[in-house]
Amino acid sequence: MIVYAEVEFMIQTAHSLKEKRAVLQRMITRTKQKFNVSVAEIDHQDVWQRTRIALVAVASSKLSAEREINNALAYLQSNPEWDQLDVWREYL
């Protein structure tokens, strides 16, 4: 089972692309290390206060893949440096 999620964040504290990328790269790296998911920024690469991140989990059961995505999303949402705007999921 494959679970795909997209999440969009607003980074209020970023005042440049360099500040945005520092926050984003730190969170992407930590998420990959803590959870069995693939993560990448997929939109708003040239906008300094906004980002859209895609996460994918592959597992033998829907429950396992969904749990991994949920844990990764909860971790990303816990970062006080940004605010979540939108979440979208798809099951393949």
PDB file of N, CA and C in Angstrom:
ATOM      1  N   MET A   1       0.833  -1.170   0.000  1.00  0.00           N
ATOM      2  CA  MET A   1       0.000   0.000   0.000  1.00  0.00           C
ATOM      3  C   MET A   1       0.885   1.244   0.000  1.00  0.00           C
ATOM      4  N   ILE A   2       0.486   2.239  -0.751  1.00  0.00           N
ATOM      5  CA  ILE A   2       1.210   3.507  -0.835  1.00  0.00           C
ATOM      6  C   ILE A   2       0.296   4.614  -0.331  1.00  0.00           C
ATOM      7  N   VAL A   3       0.804   5.419   0.581  1.00  0.00           N
ATOM      8  CA  VAL A   3       0.075   6.590   1.058  1.00  0.00           C
ATOM      9  C   VAL A   3       0.898   7.818   0.679  1.00  0.00           C
ATOM     10  N   TYR A   4       0.239   8.754   0.006  1.00  0.00           N
ATOM     11  CA  TYR A   4       0.865   9.979  -0.471  1.00  0.00           C
ATOM     12  C   TYR A   4       0.165  11.151   0.210  1.00  0.00           C
ATOM     13  N   ALA A   5       0.938  12.094   0.704  1.00  0.00           N
ATOM     14  CA  ALA A   5       0.357  13.279   1.336  1.00  0.00           C
ATOM     15  C   ALA A   5       1.112  14.520   0.889  1.00  0.00           C
ATOM     16  N   GLU A   6       0.372  15.597   0.758  1.00  0.00           N
ATOM     17  CA  GLU A   6       0.964  16.904   0.510  1.00  0.00           C
ATOM     18  C   GLU A   6       0.526  17.813   1.645  1.00  0.00           C
ATOM     19  N   VAL A   7       1.450  18.614   2.124  1.00  0.00           N
ATOM     20  CA  VAL A   7       1.141  19.553   3.198  1.00  0.00           C
ATOM     21  C   VAL A   7       1.779  20.894   2.854  1.00  0.00           C
ATOM     22  N   GLU A   8       1.023  21.951   3.089  1.00  0.00           N
ATOM     23  CA  GLU A   8       1.504  23.293   2.779  1.00  0.00           C
ATOM     24  C   GLU A   8       1.679  24.065   4.083  1.00  0.00           C
ATOM     25  N   PHE A   9       2.803  24.778   4.175  1.00  0.00           N
ATOM     26  CA  PHE A   9       3.125  25.545   5.370  1.00  0.00           C
ATOM     27  C   PHE A   9       3.441  26.989   5.014  1.00  0.00           C
ATOM     28  N   MET A  10       3.152  27.888   5.963  1.00  0.00           N
ATOM     29  CA  MET A  10       3.550  29.291   5.891  1.00  0.00           C
ATOM     30  C   MET A  10       4.607  29.498   6.963  1.00  0.00           C
ATOM     31  N   ILE A  11       5.768  30.001   6.556  1.00  0.00           N
ATOM     32  CA  ILE A  11       6.882  30.228   7.476  1.00  0.00           C
ATOM     33  C   ILE A  11       6.932  31.726   7.770  1.00  0.00           C
ATOM     34  N   GLN A  12       6.266  32.133   8.833  1.00  0.00           N
ATOM     35  CA  GLN A  12       6.137  33.559   9.158  1.00  0.00           C
ATOM     36  C   GLN A  12       7.470  34.210   9.516  1.00  0.00           C
ATOM     37  N   THR A  13       8.394  33.448  10.081  1.00  0.00           N
ATOM     38  CA  THR A  13       9.658  34.022  10.543  1.00  0.00           C
ATOM     39  C   THR A  13      10.701  34.180   9.438  1.00  0.00           C
ATOM     40  N   ALA A  14      10.445  33.611   8.269  1.00  0.00           N
ATOM     41  CA  ALA A  14      11.423  33.691   7.173  1.00  0.00           C
ATOM     42  C   ALA A  14      11.306  35.033   6.458  1.00  0.00           C
ATOM     43  N   HIS A  15      12.456  35.677   6.281  1.00  0.00           N
ATOM     44  CA  HIS A  15      12.492  36.955   5.570  1.00  0.00           C
ATOM     45  C   HIS A  15      13.363  36.880   4.328  1.00  0.00           C
ATOM     46  N   SER A  16      13.772  35.659   3.982  1.00  0.00           N
ATOM     47  CA  SER A  16      14.560  35.448   2.764  1.00  0.00           C
ATOM     48  C   SER A  16      14.473  33.974   2.392  1.00  0.00           C
ATOM     49  N   LEU A  17      14.866  33.656   1.177  1.00  0.00           N
ATOM     50  CA  LEU A  17      14.905  32.256   0.758  1.00  0.00           C
ATOM     51  C   LEU A  17      15.911  31.467   1.591  1.00  0.00           C
ATOM     52  N   LYS A  18      16.987  32.105   1.991  1.00  0.00           N
ATOM     53  CA  LYS A  18      18.004  31.437   2.802  1.00  0.00           C
ATOM     54  C   LYS A  18      17.424  31.014   4.157  1.00  0.00           C
ATOM     55  N   GLU A  19      16.659  31.877   4.800  1.00  0.00           N
ATOM     56  CA  GLU A  19      16.029  31.543   6.080  1.00  0.00           C
ATOM     57  C   GLU A  19      14.986  30.447   5.911  1.00  0.00           C
ATOM     58  N   LYS A  20      14.213  30.528   4.834  1.00  0.00           N
ATOM     59  CA  LYS A  20      13.203  29.500   4.562  1.00  0.00           C
ATOM     60  C   LYS A  20      13.869  28.139   4.370  1.00  0.00           C
ATOM     61  N   ARG A  21      14.907  28.102   3.559  1.00  0.00           N
ATOM     62  CA  ARG A  21      15.572  26.833   3.265  1.00  0.00           C
ATOM     63  C   ARG A  21      16.245  26.231   4.497  1.00  0.00           C
ATOM     64  N   ALA A  22      16.707  27.080   5.405  1.00  0.00           N
ATOM     65  CA  ALA A  22      17.312  26.571   6.638  1.00  0.00           C
ATOM     66  C   ALA A  22      16.276  25.816   7.464  1.00  0.00           C
ATOM     67  N   VAL A  23      15.101  26.402   7.618  1.00  0.00           N
ATOM     68  CA  VAL A  23      14.014  25.746   8.356  1.00  0.00           C
ATOM     69  C   VAL A  23      13.568  24.486   7.625  1.00  0.00           C
ATOM     70  N   LEU A  24      13.360  24.608   6.339  1.00  0.00           N
ATOM     71  CA  LEU A  24      12.840  23.509   5.537  1.00  0.00           C
ATOM     72  C   LEU A  24      13.797  22.321   5.493  1.00  0.00           C
ATOM     73  N   GLN A  25      15.062  22.562   5.226  1.00  0.00           N
ATOM     74  CA  GLN A  25      16.025  21.463   5.136  1.00  0.00           C
ATOM     75  C   GLN A  25      16.205  20.753   6.467  1.00  0.00           C
ATOM     76  N   ARG A  26      16.190  21.513   7.558  1.00  0.00           N
ATOM     77  CA  ARG A  26      16.304  20.899   8.882  1.00  0.00           C
ATOM     78  C   ARG A  26      15.134  19.956   9.149  1.00  0.00           C
ATOM     79  N   MET A  27      13.920  20.402   8.826  1.00  0.00           N
ATOM     80  CA  MET A  27      12.735  19.584   9.076  1.00  0.00           C
ATOM     81  C   MET A  27      12.660  18.384   8.133  1.00  0.00           C
ATOM     82  N   ILE A  28      13.019  18.560   6.875  1.00  0.00           N
ATOM     83  CA  ILE A  28      13.006  17.445   5.923  1.00  0.00           C
ATOM     84  C   ILE A  28      14.014  16.382   6.354  1.00  0.00           C
ATOM     85  N   THR A  29      15.216  16.796   6.710  1.00  0.00           N
ATOM     86  CA  THR A  29      16.255  15.850   7.128  1.00  0.00           C
ATOM     87  C   THR A  29      15.833  15.081   8.369  1.00  0.00           C
ATOM     88  N   ARG A  30      15.317  15.779   9.361  1.00  0.00           N
ATOM     89  CA  ARG A  30      14.894  15.113  10.601  1.00  0.00           C
ATOM     90  C   ARG A  30      13.719  14.173  10.364  1.00  0.00           C
ATOM     91  N   THR A  31      12.799  14.565   9.507  1.00  0.00           N
ATOM     92  CA  THR A  31      11.644  13.711   9.210  1.00  0.00           C
ATOM     93  C   THR A  31      12.094  12.418   8.543  1.00  0.00           C
ATOM     94  N   LYS A  32      13.007  12.519   7.596  1.00  0.00           N
ATOM     95  CA  LYS A  32      13.533  11.323   6.926  1.00  0.00           C
ATOM     96  C   LYS A  32      14.260  10.409   7.903  1.00  0.00           C
ATOM     97  N   GLN A  33      14.961  10.998   8.872  1.00  0.00           N
ATOM     98  CA  GLN A  33      15.706  10.206   9.843  1.00  0.00           C
ATOM     99  C   GLN A  33      14.788   9.500  10.840  1.00  0.00           C
ATOM    100  N   LYS A  34      13.711  10.161  11.237  1.00  0.00           N
ATOM    101  CA  LYS A  34      12.824   9.629  12.280  1.00  0.00           C
ATOM    102  C   LYS A  34      11.767   8.663  11.752  1.00  0.00           C
ATOM    103  N   PHE A  35      11.342   8.839  10.512  1.00  0.00           N
ATOM    104  CA  PHE A  35      10.217   8.076   9.981  1.00  0.00           C
ATOM    105  C   PHE A  35      10.578   7.417   8.661  1.00  0.00           C
ATOM    106  N   ASN A  36       9.878   6.346   8.348  1.00  0.00           N
ATOM    107  CA  ASN A  36      10.120   5.595   7.120  1.00  0.00           C
ATOM    108  C   ASN A  36       9.302   6.202   5.977  1.00  0.00           C
ATOM    109  N   VAL A  37       9.657   7.437   5.597  1.00  0.00           N
ATOM    110  CA  VAL A  37       8.947   8.155   4.546  1.00  0.00           C
ATOM    111  C   VAL A  37       9.958   8.838   3.625  1.00  0.00           C
ATOM    112  N   SER A  38       9.522   9.118   2.422  1.00  0.00           N
ATOM    113  CA  SER A  38      10.279   9.967   1.512  1.00  0.00           C
ATOM    114  C   SER A  38       9.649  11.347   1.564  1.00  0.00           C
ATOM    115  N   VAL A  39      10.484  12.389   1.560  1.00  0.00           N
ATOM    116  CA  VAL A  39       9.992  13.760   1.711  1.00  0.00           C
ATOM    117  C   VAL A  39      10.713  14.649   0.712  1.00  0.00           C
ATOM    118  N   ALA A  40       9.946  15.580   0.089  1.00  0.00           N
ATOM    119  CA  ALA A  40      10.554  16.550  -0.820  1.00  0.00           C
ATOM    120  C   ALA A  40       9.677  17.791  -0.917  1.00  0.00           C
ATOM    121  N   GLU A  41      10.314  18.937  -1.128  1.00  0.00           N
ATOM    122  CA  GLU A  41       9.559  20.158  -1.407  1.00  0.00           C
ATOM    123  C   GLU A  41       9.123  20.092  -2.869  1.00  0.00           C
ATOM    124  N   ILE A  42       7.847  20.297  -3.128  1.00  0.00           N
ATOM    125  CA  ILE A  42       7.345  20.144  -4.493  1.00  0.00           C
ATOM    126  C   ILE A  42       6.778  21.423  -5.099  1.00  0.00           C
ATOM    127  N   ASP A  43       6.635  22.478  -4.296  1.00  0.00           N
ATOM    128  CA  ASP A  43       6.086  23.721  -4.840  1.00  0.00           C
ATOM    129  C   ASP A  43       6.562  24.903  -3.998  1.00  0.00           C
ATOM    130  N   HIS A  44       6.477  26.079  -4.570  1.00  0.00           N
ATOM    131  CA  HIS A  44       6.840  27.340  -3.913  1.00  0.00           C
ATOM    132  C   HIS A  44       8.330  27.420  -3.594  1.00  0.00           C
ATOM    133  N   GLN A  45       9.177  26.851  -4.438  1.00  0.00           N
ATOM    134  CA  GLN A  45      10.614  26.869  -4.177  1.00  0.00           C
ATOM    135  C   GLN A  45      11.194  28.288  -4.189  1.00  0.00           C
ATOM    136  N   ASP A  46      10.590  29.201  -4.933  1.00  0.00           N
ATOM    137  CA  ASP A  46      11.116  30.557  -5.034  1.00  0.00           C
ATOM    138  C   ASP A  46      10.320  31.570  -4.215  1.00  0.00           C
ATOM    139  N   VAL A  47       9.448  31.096  -3.340  1.00  0.00           N
ATOM    140  CA  VAL A  47       8.667  31.969  -2.460  1.00  0.00           C
ATOM    141  C   VAL A  47       9.235  31.832  -1.065  1.00  0.00           C
ATOM    142  N   TRP A  48       9.557  32.934  -0.398  1.00  0.00           N
ATOM    143  CA  TRP A  48      10.314  32.838   0.839  1.00  0.00           C
ATOM    144  C   TRP A  48       9.491  32.601   2.098  1.00  0.00           C
ATOM    145  N   GLN A  49       8.172  32.619   2.053  1.00  0.00           N
ATOM    146  CA  GLN A  49       7.403  32.333   3.265  1.00  0.00           C
ATOM    147  C   GLN A  49       6.446  31.155   3.113  1.00  0.00           C
ATOM    148  N   ARG A  50       6.515  30.437   2.029  1.00  0.00           N
ATOM    149  CA  ARG A  50       5.551  29.372   1.785  1.00  0.00           C
ATOM    150  C   ARG A  50       6.255  28.157   1.204  1.00  0.00           C
ATOM    151  N   THR A  51       5.738  26.971   1.556  1.00  0.00           N
ATOM    152  CA  THR A  51       6.297  25.739   1.001  1.00  0.00           C
ATOM    153  C   THR A  51       5.219  24.667   0.921  1.00  0.00           C
ATOM    154  N   ARG A  52       5.357  23.777  -0.033  1.00  0.00           N
ATOM    155  CA  ARG A  52       4.498  22.595  -0.145  1.00  0.00           C
ATOM    156  C   ARG A  52       5.419  21.383  -0.164  1.00  0.00           C
ATOM    157  N   ILE A  53       5.159  20.465   0.769  1.00  0.00           N
ATOM    158  CA  ILE A  53       5.993  19.285   0.946  1.00  0.00           C
ATOM    159  C   ILE A  53       5.176  18.046   0.614  1.00  0.00           C
ATOM    160  N   ALA A  54       5.787  17.094  -0.093  1.00  0.00           N
ATOM    161  CA  ALA A  54       5.155  15.804  -0.374  1.00  0.00           C
ATOM    162  C   ALA A  54       5.819  14.744   0.484  1.00  0.00           C
ATOM    163  N   LEU A  55       5.002  13.830   1.009  1.00  0.00           N
ATOM    164  CA  LEU A  55       5.484  12.703   1.792  1.00  0.00           C
ATOM    165  C   LEU A  55       4.895  11.438   1.196  1.00  0.00           C
ATOM    166  N   VAL A  56       5.699  10.374   1.144  1.00  0.00           N
ATOM    167  CA  VAL A  56       5.225   9.085   0.635  1.00  0.00           C
ATOM    168  C   VAL A  56       5.708   7.988   1.564  1.00  0.00           C
ATOM    169  N   ALA A  57       4.784   7.087   1.900  1.00  0.00           N
ATOM    170  CA  ALA A  57       5.128   5.911   2.701  1.00  0.00           C
ATOM    171  C   ALA A  57       4.647   4.675   1.949  1.00  0.00           C
ATOM    172  N   VAL A  58       5.484   3.658   1.916  1.00  0.00           N
ATOM    173  CA  VAL A  58       5.145   2.391   1.268  1.00  0.00           C
ATOM    174  C   VAL A  58       5.256   1.300   2.329  1.00  0.00           C
ATOM    175  N   ALA A  59       4.194   0.498   2.447  1.00  0.00           N
ATOM    176  CA  ALA A  59       4.191  -0.581   3.432  1.00  0.00           C
ATOM    177  C   ALA A  59       3.312  -1.719   2.933  1.00  0.00           C
ATOM    178  N   SER A  60       3.393  -2.849   3.603  1.00  0.00           N
ATOM    179  CA  SER A  60       2.612  -4.011   3.188  1.00  0.00           C
ATOM    180  C   SER A  60       1.127  -3.867   3.524  1.00  0.00           C
ATOM    181  N   SER A  61       0.806  -2.959   4.459  1.00  0.00           N
ATOM    182  CA  SER A  61      -0.606  -2.751   4.795  1.00  0.00           C
ATOM    183  C   SER A  61      -0.929  -1.257   4.807  1.00  0.00           C
ATOM    184  N   LYS A  62      -2.186  -0.951   4.562  1.00  0.00           N
ATOM    185  CA  LYS A  62      -2.642   0.436   4.573  1.00  0.00           C
ATOM    186  C   LYS A  62      -2.436   1.047   5.954  1.00  0.00           C
ATOM    187  N   LEU A  63      -2.715   0.286   6.996  1.00  0.00           N
ATOM    188  CA  LEU A  63      -2.588   0.773   8.367  1.00  0.00           C
ATOM    189  C   LEU A  63      -1.146   1.190   8.685  1.00  0.00           C
ATOM    190  N   SER A  64      -0.186   0.388   8.287  1.00  0.00           N
ATOM    191  CA  SER A  64       1.225   0.703   8.550  1.00  0.00           C
ATOM    192  C   SER A  64       1.664   1.966   7.811  1.00  0.00           C
ATOM    193  N   ALA A  65       1.311   2.060   6.548  1.00  0.00           N
ATOM    194  CA  ALA A  65       1.693   3.231   5.752  1.00  0.00           C
ATOM    195  C   ALA A  65       1.007   4.485   6.279  1.00  0.00           C
ATOM    196  N   GLU A  66      -0.251   4.368   6.620  1.00  0.00           N
ATOM    197  CA  GLU A  66      -1.004   5.508   7.141  1.00  0.00           C
ATOM    198  C   GLU A  66      -0.436   5.968   8.490  1.00  0.00           C
ATOM    199  N   ARG A  67      -0.075   5.034   9.352  1.00  0.00           N
ATOM    200  CA  ARG A  67       0.504   5.369  10.649  1.00  0.00           C
ATOM    201  C   ARG A  67       1.823   6.129  10.471  1.00  0.00           C
ATOM    202  N   GLU A  68       2.637   5.694   9.533  1.00  0.00           N
ATOM    203  CA  GLU A  68       3.923   6.360   9.294  1.00  0.00           C
ATOM    204  C   GLU A  68       3.712   7.786   8.780  1.00  0.00           C
ATOM    205  N   ILE A  69       2.780   7.957   7.861  1.00  0.00           N
ATOM    206  CA  ILE A  69       2.465   9.301   7.351  1.00  0.00           C
ATOM    207  C   ILE A  69       1.900  10.172   8.469  1.00  0.00           C
ATOM    208  N   ASN A  70       0.995   9.643   9.264  1.00  0.00           N
ATOM    209  CA  ASN A  70       0.398  10.411  10.360  1.00  0.00           C
ATOM    210  C   ASN A  70       1.461  10.865  11.362  1.00  0.00           C
ATOM    211  N   ASN A  71       2.378   9.980  11.698  1.00  0.00           N
ATOM    212  CA  ASN A  71       3.454  10.341  12.631  1.00  0.00           C
ATOM    213  C   ASN A  71       4.364  11.419  12.041  1.00  0.00           C
ATOM    214  N   ALA A  72       4.693  11.284  10.765  1.00  0.00           N
ATOM    215  CA  ALA A  72       5.541  12.277  10.106  1.00  0.00           C
ATOM    216  C   ALA A  72       4.828  13.630  10.021  1.00  0.00           C
ATOM    217  N   LEU A  73       3.540  13.619   9.688  1.00  0.00           N
ATOM    218  CA  LEU A  73       2.781  14.868   9.625  1.00  0.00           C
ATOM    219  C   LEU A  73       2.674  15.518  10.996  1.00  0.00           C
ATOM    220  N   ALA A  74       2.442  14.739  12.024  1.00  0.00           N
ATOM    221  CA  ALA A  74       2.363  15.281  13.382  1.00  0.00           C
ATOM    222  C   ALA A  74       3.692  15.923  13.781  1.00  0.00           C
ATOM    223  N   TYR A  75       4.792  15.278  13.409  1.00  0.00           N
ATOM    224  CA  TYR A  75       6.109  15.841  13.695  1.00  0.00           C
ATOM    225  C   TYR A  75       6.304  17.166  12.955  1.00  0.00           C
ATOM    226  N   LEU A  76       5.966  17.201  11.668  1.00  0.00           N
ATOM    227  CA  LEU A  76       6.106  18.436  10.900  1.00  0.00           C
ATOM    228  C   LEU A  76       5.228  19.548  11.470  1.00  0.00           C
ATOM    229  N   GLN A  77       4.012  19.212  11.863  1.00  0.00           N
ATOM    230  CA  GLN A  77       3.082  20.204  12.412  1.00  0.00           C
ATOM    231  C   GLN A  77       3.536  20.738  13.767  1.00  0.00           C
ATOM    232  N   SER A  78       4.369  19.987  14.469  1.00  0.00           N
ATOM    233  CA  SER A  78       4.814  20.407  15.799  1.00  0.00           C
ATOM    234  C   SER A  78       5.878  21.509  15.757  1.00  0.00           C
ATOM    235  N   ASN A  79       6.410  21.801  14.586  1.00  0.00           N
ATOM    236  CA  ASN A  79       7.441  22.830  14.462  1.00  0.00           C
ATOM    237  C   ASN A  79       6.809  24.212  14.673  1.00  0.00           C
ATOM    238  N   PRO A  80       7.246  24.966  15.686  1.00  0.00           N
ATOM    239  CA  PRO A  80       6.648  26.280  15.946  1.00  0.00           C
ATOM    240  C   PRO A  80       7.047  27.352  14.934  1.00  0.00           C
ATOM    241  N   GLU A  81       7.993  27.049  14.047  1.00  0.00           N
ATOM    242  CA  GLU A  81       8.460  28.047  13.080  1.00  0.00           C
ATOM    243  C   GLU A  81       7.531  28.211  11.880  1.00  0.00           C
ATOM    244  N   TRP A  82       6.528  27.324  11.746  1.00  0.00           N
ATOM    245  CA  TRP A  82       5.617  27.463  10.612  1.00  0.00           C
ATOM    246  C   TRP A  82       4.204  27.069  10.995  1.00  0.00           C
ATOM    247  N   ASP A  83       3.260  27.496  10.146  1.00  0.00           N
ATOM    248  CA  ASP A  83       1.841  27.200  10.353  1.00  0.00           C
ATOM    249  C   ASP A  83       1.335  26.384   9.177  1.00  0.00           C
ATOM    250  N   GLN A  84       0.600  25.338   9.478  1.00  0.00           N
ATOM    251  CA  GLN A  84       0.048  24.488   8.427  1.00  0.00           C
ATOM    252  C   GLN A  84      -1.127  25.186   7.760  1.00  0.00           C
ATOM    253  N   LEU A  85      -1.158  25.159   6.435  1.00  0.00           N
ATOM    254  CA  LEU A  85      -2.247  25.754   5.678  1.00  0.00           C
ATOM    255  C   LEU A  85      -3.196  24.710   5.120  1.00  0.00           C
ATOM    256  N   ASP A  86      -2.645  23.578   4.660  1.00  0.00           N
ATOM    257  CA  ASP A  86      -3.479  22.595   3.967  1.00  0.00           C
ATOM    258  C   ASP A  86      -2.805  21.219   4.011  1.00  0.00           C
ATOM    259  N   VAL A  87      -3.635  20.176   4.032  1.00  0.00           N
ATOM    260  CA  VAL A  87      -3.145  18.794   3.937  1.00  0.00           C
ATOM    261  C   VAL A  87      -4.028  18.061   2.957  1.00  0.00           C
ATOM    262  N   TRP A  88      -3.402  17.246   2.099  1.00  0.00           N
ATOM    263  CA  TRP A  88      -4.127  16.452   1.120  1.00  0.00           C
ATOM    264  C   TRP A  88      -3.510  15.065   1.092  1.00  0.00           C
ATOM    265  N   ARG A  89      -4.338  14.043   1.044  1.00  0.00           N
ATOM    266  CA  ARG A  89      -3.848  12.641   1.023  1.00  0.00           C
ATOM    267  C   ARG A  89      -4.448  11.866  -0.137  1.00  0.00           C
ATOM    268  N   GLU A  90      -3.680  10.846  -0.525  1.00  0.00           N
ATOM    269  CA  GLU A  90      -4.169   9.925  -1.549  1.00  0.00           C
ATOM    270  C   GLU A  90      -3.646   8.534  -1.205  1.00  0.00           C
ATOM    271  N   TYR A  91      -4.481   7.533  -1.447  1.00  0.00           N
ATOM    272  CA  TYR A  91      -4.120   6.142  -1.175  1.00  0.00           C
ATOM    273  C   TYR A  91      -4.030   5.413  -2.505  1.00  0.00           C
ATOM    274  N   LEU A  92      -2.899   4.764  -2.754  1.00  0.00           N
ATOM    275  CA  LEU A  92      -2.685   4.058  -4.027  1.00  0.00           C
ATOM    276  C   LEU A  92      -2.519   2.583  -3.777  1.00  0.00           C
TER     277      LEU A  92
END
